[in-house]
Protein backbone atom coordinates (compact mmCIF):
# COMPACT_ATOMS: atom_id res chain seq x y z
CA UNK A 1 0.00 0.00 0.00
CA UNK A 2 1.54 3.34 -0.97
CA UNK A 3 2.33 5.75 1.83
CA UNK A 4 0.25 8.89 1.58
CA UNK A 5 1.96 12.25 1.53
CA UNK A 6 0.31 14.81 3.79
CA UNK A 7 1.04 18.46 4.33
CA UNK A 8 2.11 19.36 7.84
CA UNK A 9 0.22 21.96 9.85
CA UNK A 10 3.04 24.45 9.30
CA UNK A 11 2.80 24.04 5.52
CA UNK A 12 -0.98 24.46 5.60
CA UNK A 13 -0.63 27.55 7.80
CA UNK A 14 1.97 29.07 5.45
CA UNK A 15 -0.20 28.37 2.39
CA UNK A 16 -3.18 29.92 4.18
CA UNK A 17 -1.18 33.09 4.89
CA UNK A 18 -0.03 33.29 1.26
CA UNK A 19 -3.60 32.71 0.03
CA UNK A 20 -4.90 35.46 2.29
CA UNK A 21 -2.24 37.86 1.01
CA UNK A 22 -3.20 36.98 -2.57
CA UNK A 23 -6.83 37.79 -1.79
CA UNK A 24 -5.97 41.11 -0.13
CA UNK A 25 -3.59 42.21 -2.90
CA UNK A 26 -6.01 41.06 -5.60
CA UNK A 27 -8.92 42.95 -4.03
CA UNK A 28 -6.78 46.08 -3.62
CA UNK A 29 -5.56 45.93 -7.22
CA UNK A 30 -9.10 45.48 -8.48
CA UNK A 31 -10.49 48.37 -6.45
CA UNK A 32 -7.59 50.77 -7.07
CA UNK A 33 -7.07 50.00 -10.74
CA UNK A 34 -8.76 53.20 -11.84
CA UNK A 35 -10.40 51.58 -14.82
CA UNK A 36 -7.21 50.05 -16.22
CA UNK A 37 -8.31 46.72 -17.59
CA UNK A 38 -4.91 45.03 -17.26
CA UNK A 39 -4.65 45.84 -13.55
CA UNK A 40 -8.23 44.79 -12.97
CA UNK A 41 -7.60 41.45 -14.68
CA UNK A 42 -4.43 40.86 -12.64
CA UNK A 43 -6.27 41.76 -9.45
CA UNK A 44 -9.15 39.43 -10.22
CA UNK A 45 -6.72 36.62 -11.08
CA UNK A 46 -4.93 37.05 -7.75
CA UNK A 47 -8.25 37.26 -5.93
CA UNK A 48 -9.63 34.07 -7.49
CA UNK A 49 -6.33 32.22 -7.11
CA UNK A 50 -6.20 33.16 -3.44
CA UNK A 51 -9.74 31.96 -2.87
CA UNK A 52 -9.03 28.63 -4.58
CA UNK A 53 -5.85 28.15 -2.53
CA UNK A 54 -7.68 29.05 0.66
CA UNK A 55 -10.44 26.52 -0.05
CA UNK A 56 -7.86 23.84 -0.82
CA UNK A 57 -6.08 24.54 2.45
CA UNK A 58 -9.37 24.47 4.33
CA UNK A 59 -10.08 21.02 2.91
CA UNK A 60 -6.55 19.82 3.75
CA UNK A 61 -6.81 21.07 7.33
CA UNK A 62 -10.20 19.41 7.88
CA UNK A 63 -9.15 16.10 6.29
CA UNK A 64 -5.63 15.51 7.65
CA UNK A 65 -5.71 11.81 6.91
CA UNK A 66 -6.62 12.33 3.26
CA UNK A 67 -3.88 12.37 0.68
CA UNK A 68 -2.77 15.65 -0.84
CA UNK A 69 -0.79 13.73 -3.42
CA UNK A 70 -1.81 10.30 -4.63
CA UNK A 71 -0.35 7.81 -7.01
CA UNK A 72 3.12 7.85 -5.49
CA UNK A 73 4.95 5.38 -3.32
CA UNK A 74 7.75 6.39 -1.02
CA UNK A 75 10.91 4.33 -1.27
CA UNK A 76 13.69 5.80 0.82
CA UNK A 77 13.95 9.42 -0.18
CA UNK A 78 12.93 9.10 -3.81
CA UNK A 79 9.43 9.03 -5.26
CA UNK A 80 8.27 6.81 -8.06
CA UNK A 81 4.86 6.37 -9.69
CA UNK A 82 2.69 3.69 -8.08
CA UNK A 83 2.45 0.42 -9.98
CA UNK A 84 -0.62 -0.26 -12.04
CA UNK A 85 -1.36 -3.84 -10.99
CA UNK A 86 -4.60 -4.11 -12.96
CA UNK A 87 -2.79 -3.24 -16.20
CA UNK A 88 -0.04 -5.75 -15.46
CA UNK A 89 -2.65 -8.47 -14.90
CA UNK A 90 -4.52 -7.56 -18.11
CA UNK A 91 -1.28 -7.65 -20.10
CA UNK A 92 -0.36 -10.98 -18.54
CA UNK A 93 -3.77 -12.46 -19.43
CA UNK A 94 -3.37 -11.21 -22.99
CA UNK A 95 -0.02 -13.02 -23.23
CA UNK A 96 -1.69 -16.21 -21.99
CA UNK A 97 -4.65 -15.82 -24.39
CA UNK A 98 -2.24 -15.29 -27.29
CA UNK A 99 -0.44 -18.51 -26.37
CA UNK A 100 2.85 -16.76 -25.60
CA UNK A 101 2.96 -18.09 -22.02
CA UNK A 102 1.55 -21.27 -20.51
CA UNK A 103 -1.15 -21.55 -17.84
CA UNK A 104 1.50 -22.43 -15.23
CA UNK A 105 3.62 -19.38 -16.13
CA UNK A 106 0.49 -17.24 -16.03
CA UNK A 107 -0.50 -18.53 -12.57
CA UNK A 108 2.98 -18.06 -11.16
CA UNK A 109 3.38 -14.51 -12.47
CA UNK A 110 -0.17 -13.60 -11.41
CA UNK A 111 0.57 -14.77 -7.86
CA UNK A 112 3.80 -12.73 -7.89
CA UNK A 113 1.99 -9.55 -9.02
CA UNK A 114 -0.77 -10.01 -6.45
CA UNK A 115 1.78 -10.64 -3.69
CA UNK A 116 3.46 -7.31 -4.49
CA UNK A 117 0.10 -5.52 -4.42
CA UNK A 118 -1.03 -6.86 -1.05
C-alpha atoms as a PDB file:
ATOM      1  CA  UNK A   1       0.000   0.000   0.000  1.00  0.00           C
ATOM      2  CA  UNK A   2       1.543   3.345  -0.965  1.00  0.00           C
ATOM      3  CA  UNK A   3       2.328   5.747   1.831  1.00  0.00           C
ATOM      4  CA  UNK A   4       0.255   8.891   1.582  1.00  0.00           C
ATOM      5  CA  UNK A   5       1.960  12.251   1.529  1.00  0.00           C
ATOM      6  CA  UNK A   6       0.315  14.811   3.789  1.00  0.00           C
ATOM      7  CA  UNK A   7       1.040  18.455   4.329  1.00  0.00           C
ATOM      8  CA  UNK A   8       2.111  19.357   7.841  1.00  0.00           C
ATOM      9  CA  UNK A   9       0.217  21.962   9.850  1.00  0.00           C
ATOM     10  CA  UNK A  10       3.038  24.449   9.301  1.00  0.00           C
ATOM     11  CA  UNK A  11       2.796  24.039   5.519  1.00  0.00           C
ATOM     12  CA  UNK A  12      -0.979  24.459   5.596  1.00  0.00           C
ATOM     13  CA  UNK A  13      -0.627  27.550   7.802  1.00  0.00           C
ATOM     14  CA  UNK A  14       1.965  29.067   5.446  1.00  0.00           C
ATOM     15  CA  UNK A  15      -0.201  28.374   2.388  1.00  0.00           C
ATOM     16  CA  UNK A  16      -3.180  29.917   4.179  1.00  0.00           C
ATOM     17  CA  UNK A  17      -1.181  33.095   4.887  1.00  0.00           C
ATOM     18  CA  UNK A  18      -0.031  33.291   1.256  1.00  0.00           C
ATOM     19  CA  UNK A  19      -3.601  32.705   0.032  1.00  0.00           C
ATOM     20  CA  UNK A  20      -4.897  35.464   2.294  1.00  0.00           C
ATOM     21  CA  UNK A  21      -2.239  37.865   1.007  1.00  0.00           C
ATOM     22  CA  UNK A  22      -3.204  36.980  -2.575  1.00  0.00           C
ATOM     23  CA  UNK A  23      -6.833  37.790  -1.790  1.00  0.00           C
ATOM     24  CA  UNK A  24      -5.967  41.113  -0.127  1.00  0.00           C
ATOM     25  CA  UNK A  25      -3.585  42.213  -2.898  1.00  0.00           C
ATOM     26  CA  UNK A  26      -6.014  41.061  -5.595  1.00  0.00           C
ATOM     27  CA  UNK A  27      -8.917  42.950  -4.030  1.00  0.00           C
ATOM     28  CA  UNK A  28      -6.781  46.084  -3.616  1.00  0.00           C
ATOM     29  CA  UNK A  29      -5.557  45.933  -7.221  1.00  0.00           C
ATOM     30  CA  UNK A  30      -9.099  45.475  -8.484  1.00  0.00           C
ATOM     31  CA  UNK A  31     -10.495  48.373  -6.452  1.00  0.00           C
ATOM     32  CA  UNK A  32      -7.594  50.767  -7.067  1.00  0.00           C
ATOM     33  CA  UNK A  33      -7.066  50.002 -10.743  1.00  0.00           C
ATOM     34  CA  UNK A  34      -8.758  53.205 -11.841  1.00  0.00           C
ATOM     35  CA  UNK A  35     -10.405  51.580 -14.825  1.00  0.00           C
ATOM     36  CA  UNK A  36      -7.205  50.052 -16.223  1.00  0.00           C
ATOM     37  CA  UNK A  37      -8.305  46.717 -17.590  1.00  0.00           C
ATOM     38  CA  UNK A  38      -4.911  45.034 -17.256  1.00  0.00           C
ATOM     39  CA  UNK A  39      -4.649  45.840 -13.551  1.00  0.00           C
ATOM     40  CA  UNK A  40      -8.234  44.785 -12.973  1.00  0.00           C
ATOM     41  CA  UNK A  41      -7.601  41.448 -14.678  1.00  0.00           C
ATOM     42  CA  UNK A  42      -4.432  40.863 -12.642  1.00  0.00           C
ATOM     43  CA  UNK A  43      -6.274  41.765  -9.451  1.00  0.00           C
ATOM     44  CA  UNK A  44      -9.150  39.426 -10.218  1.00  0.00           C
ATOM     45  CA  UNK A  45      -6.724  36.623 -11.079  1.00  0.00           C
ATOM     46  CA  UNK A  46      -4.935  37.045  -7.748  1.00  0.00           C
ATOM     47  CA  UNK A  47      -8.252  37.259  -5.932  1.00  0.00           C
ATOM     48  CA  UNK A  48      -9.634  34.071  -7.486  1.00  0.00           C
ATOM     49  CA  UNK A  49      -6.325  32.223  -7.107  1.00  0.00           C
ATOM     50  CA  UNK A  50      -6.197  33.159  -3.441  1.00  0.00           C
ATOM     51  CA  UNK A  51      -9.745  31.964  -2.874  1.00  0.00           C
ATOM     52  CA  UNK A  52      -9.031  28.628  -4.577  1.00  0.00           C
ATOM     53  CA  UNK A  53      -5.846  28.147  -2.528  1.00  0.00           C
ATOM     54  CA  UNK A  54      -7.682  29.045   0.663  1.00  0.00           C
ATOM     55  CA  UNK A  55     -10.441  26.524  -0.053  1.00  0.00           C
ATOM     56  CA  UNK A  56      -7.858  23.837  -0.818  1.00  0.00           C
ATOM     57  CA  UNK A  57      -6.078  24.545   2.454  1.00  0.00           C
ATOM     58  CA  UNK A  58      -9.365  24.475   4.330  1.00  0.00           C
ATOM     59  CA  UNK A  59     -10.075  21.020   2.906  1.00  0.00           C
ATOM     60  CA  UNK A  60      -6.546  19.821   3.755  1.00  0.00           C
ATOM     61  CA  UNK A  61      -6.809  21.068   7.333  1.00  0.00           C
ATOM     62  CA  UNK A  62     -10.203  19.414   7.877  1.00  0.00           C
ATOM     63  CA  UNK A  63      -9.147  16.098   6.295  1.00  0.00           C
ATOM     64  CA  UNK A  64      -5.630  15.512   7.647  1.00  0.00           C
ATOM     65  CA  UNK A  65      -5.709  11.811   6.910  1.00  0.00           C
ATOM     66  CA  UNK A  66      -6.625  12.333   3.262  1.00  0.00           C
ATOM     67  CA  UNK A  67      -3.877  12.374   0.675  1.00  0.00           C
ATOM     68  CA  UNK A  68      -2.771  15.645  -0.844  1.00  0.00           C
ATOM     69  CA  UNK A  69      -0.792  13.730  -3.422  1.00  0.00           C
ATOM     70  CA  UNK A  70      -1.814  10.304  -4.631  1.00  0.00           C
ATOM     71  CA  UNK A  71      -0.350   7.815  -7.012  1.00  0.00           C
ATOM     72  CA  UNK A  72       3.120   7.854  -5.490  1.00  0.00           C
ATOM     73  CA  UNK A  73       4.946   5.377  -3.320  1.00  0.00           C
ATOM     74  CA  UNK A  74       7.753   6.394  -1.019  1.00  0.00           C
ATOM     75  CA  UNK A  75      10.914   4.332  -1.271  1.00  0.00           C
ATOM     76  CA  UNK A  76      13.686   5.796   0.821  1.00  0.00           C
ATOM     77  CA  UNK A  77      13.949   9.416  -0.185  1.00  0.00           C
ATOM     78  CA  UNK A  78      12.926   9.100  -3.812  1.00  0.00           C
ATOM     79  CA  UNK A  79       9.431   9.029  -5.256  1.00  0.00           C
ATOM     80  CA  UNK A  80       8.274   6.806  -8.057  1.00  0.00           C
ATOM     81  CA  UNK A  81       4.863   6.366  -9.689  1.00  0.00           C
ATOM     82  CA  UNK A  82       2.690   3.695  -8.085  1.00  0.00           C
ATOM     83  CA  UNK A  83       2.454   0.417  -9.976  1.00  0.00           C
ATOM     84  CA  UNK A  84      -0.624  -0.262 -12.037  1.00  0.00           C
ATOM     85  CA  UNK A  85      -1.358  -3.840 -10.994  1.00  0.00           C
ATOM     86  CA  UNK A  86      -4.598  -4.115 -12.964  1.00  0.00           C
ATOM     87  CA  UNK A  87      -2.791  -3.240 -16.205  1.00  0.00           C
ATOM     88  CA  UNK A  88      -0.044  -5.750 -15.455  1.00  0.00           C
ATOM     89  CA  UNK A  89      -2.652  -8.469 -14.900  1.00  0.00           C
ATOM     90  CA  UNK A  90      -4.519  -7.562 -18.110  1.00  0.00           C
ATOM     91  CA  UNK A  91      -1.283  -7.647 -20.101  1.00  0.00           C
ATOM     92  CA  UNK A  92      -0.359 -10.981 -18.538  1.00  0.00           C
ATOM     93  CA  UNK A  93      -3.771 -12.457 -19.426  1.00  0.00           C
ATOM     94  CA  UNK A  94      -3.366 -11.207 -22.990  1.00  0.00           C
ATOM     95  CA  UNK A  95      -0.021 -13.024 -23.226  1.00  0.00           C
ATOM     96  CA  UNK A  96      -1.691 -16.207 -21.988  1.00  0.00           C
ATOM     97  CA  UNK A  97      -4.645 -15.816 -24.386  1.00  0.00           C
ATOM     98  CA  UNK A  98      -2.241 -15.294 -27.294  1.00  0.00           C
ATOM     99  CA  UNK A  99      -0.440 -18.510 -26.372  1.00  0.00           C
ATOM    100  CA  UNK A 100       2.852 -16.764 -25.595  1.00  0.00           C
ATOM    101  CA  UNK A 101       2.961 -18.095 -22.018  1.00  0.00           C
ATOM    102  CA  UNK A 102       1.550 -21.275 -20.510  1.00  0.00           C
ATOM    103  CA  UNK A 103      -1.152 -21.553 -17.844  1.00  0.00           C
ATOM    104  CA  UNK A 104       1.497 -22.435 -15.234  1.00  0.00           C
ATOM    105  CA  UNK A 105       3.617 -19.385 -16.127  1.00  0.00           C
ATOM    106  CA  UNK A 106       0.488 -17.237 -16.033  1.00  0.00           C
ATOM    107  CA  UNK A 107      -0.501 -18.527 -12.574  1.00  0.00           C
ATOM    108  CA  UNK A 108       2.980 -18.060 -11.160  1.00  0.00           C
ATOM    109  CA  UNK A 109       3.382 -14.514 -12.470  1.00  0.00           C
ATOM    110  CA  UNK A 110      -0.166 -13.596 -11.407  1.00  0.00           C
ATOM    111  CA  UNK A 111       0.571 -14.774  -7.857  1.00  0.00           C
ATOM    112  CA  UNK A 112       3.803 -12.734  -7.890  1.00  0.00           C
ATOM    113  CA  UNK A 113       1.994  -9.554  -9.017  1.00  0.00           C
ATOM    114  CA  UNK A 114      -0.769 -10.011  -6.453  1.00  0.00           C
ATOM    115  CA  UNK A 115       1.777 -10.644  -3.693  1.00  0.00           C
ATOM    116  CA  UNK A 116       3.456  -7.305  -4.488  1.00  0.00           C
ATOM    117  CA  UNK A 117       0.099  -5.517  -4.418  1.00  0.00           C
ATOM    118  CA  UNK A 118      -1.031  -6.856  -1.048  1.00  0.00           C
END
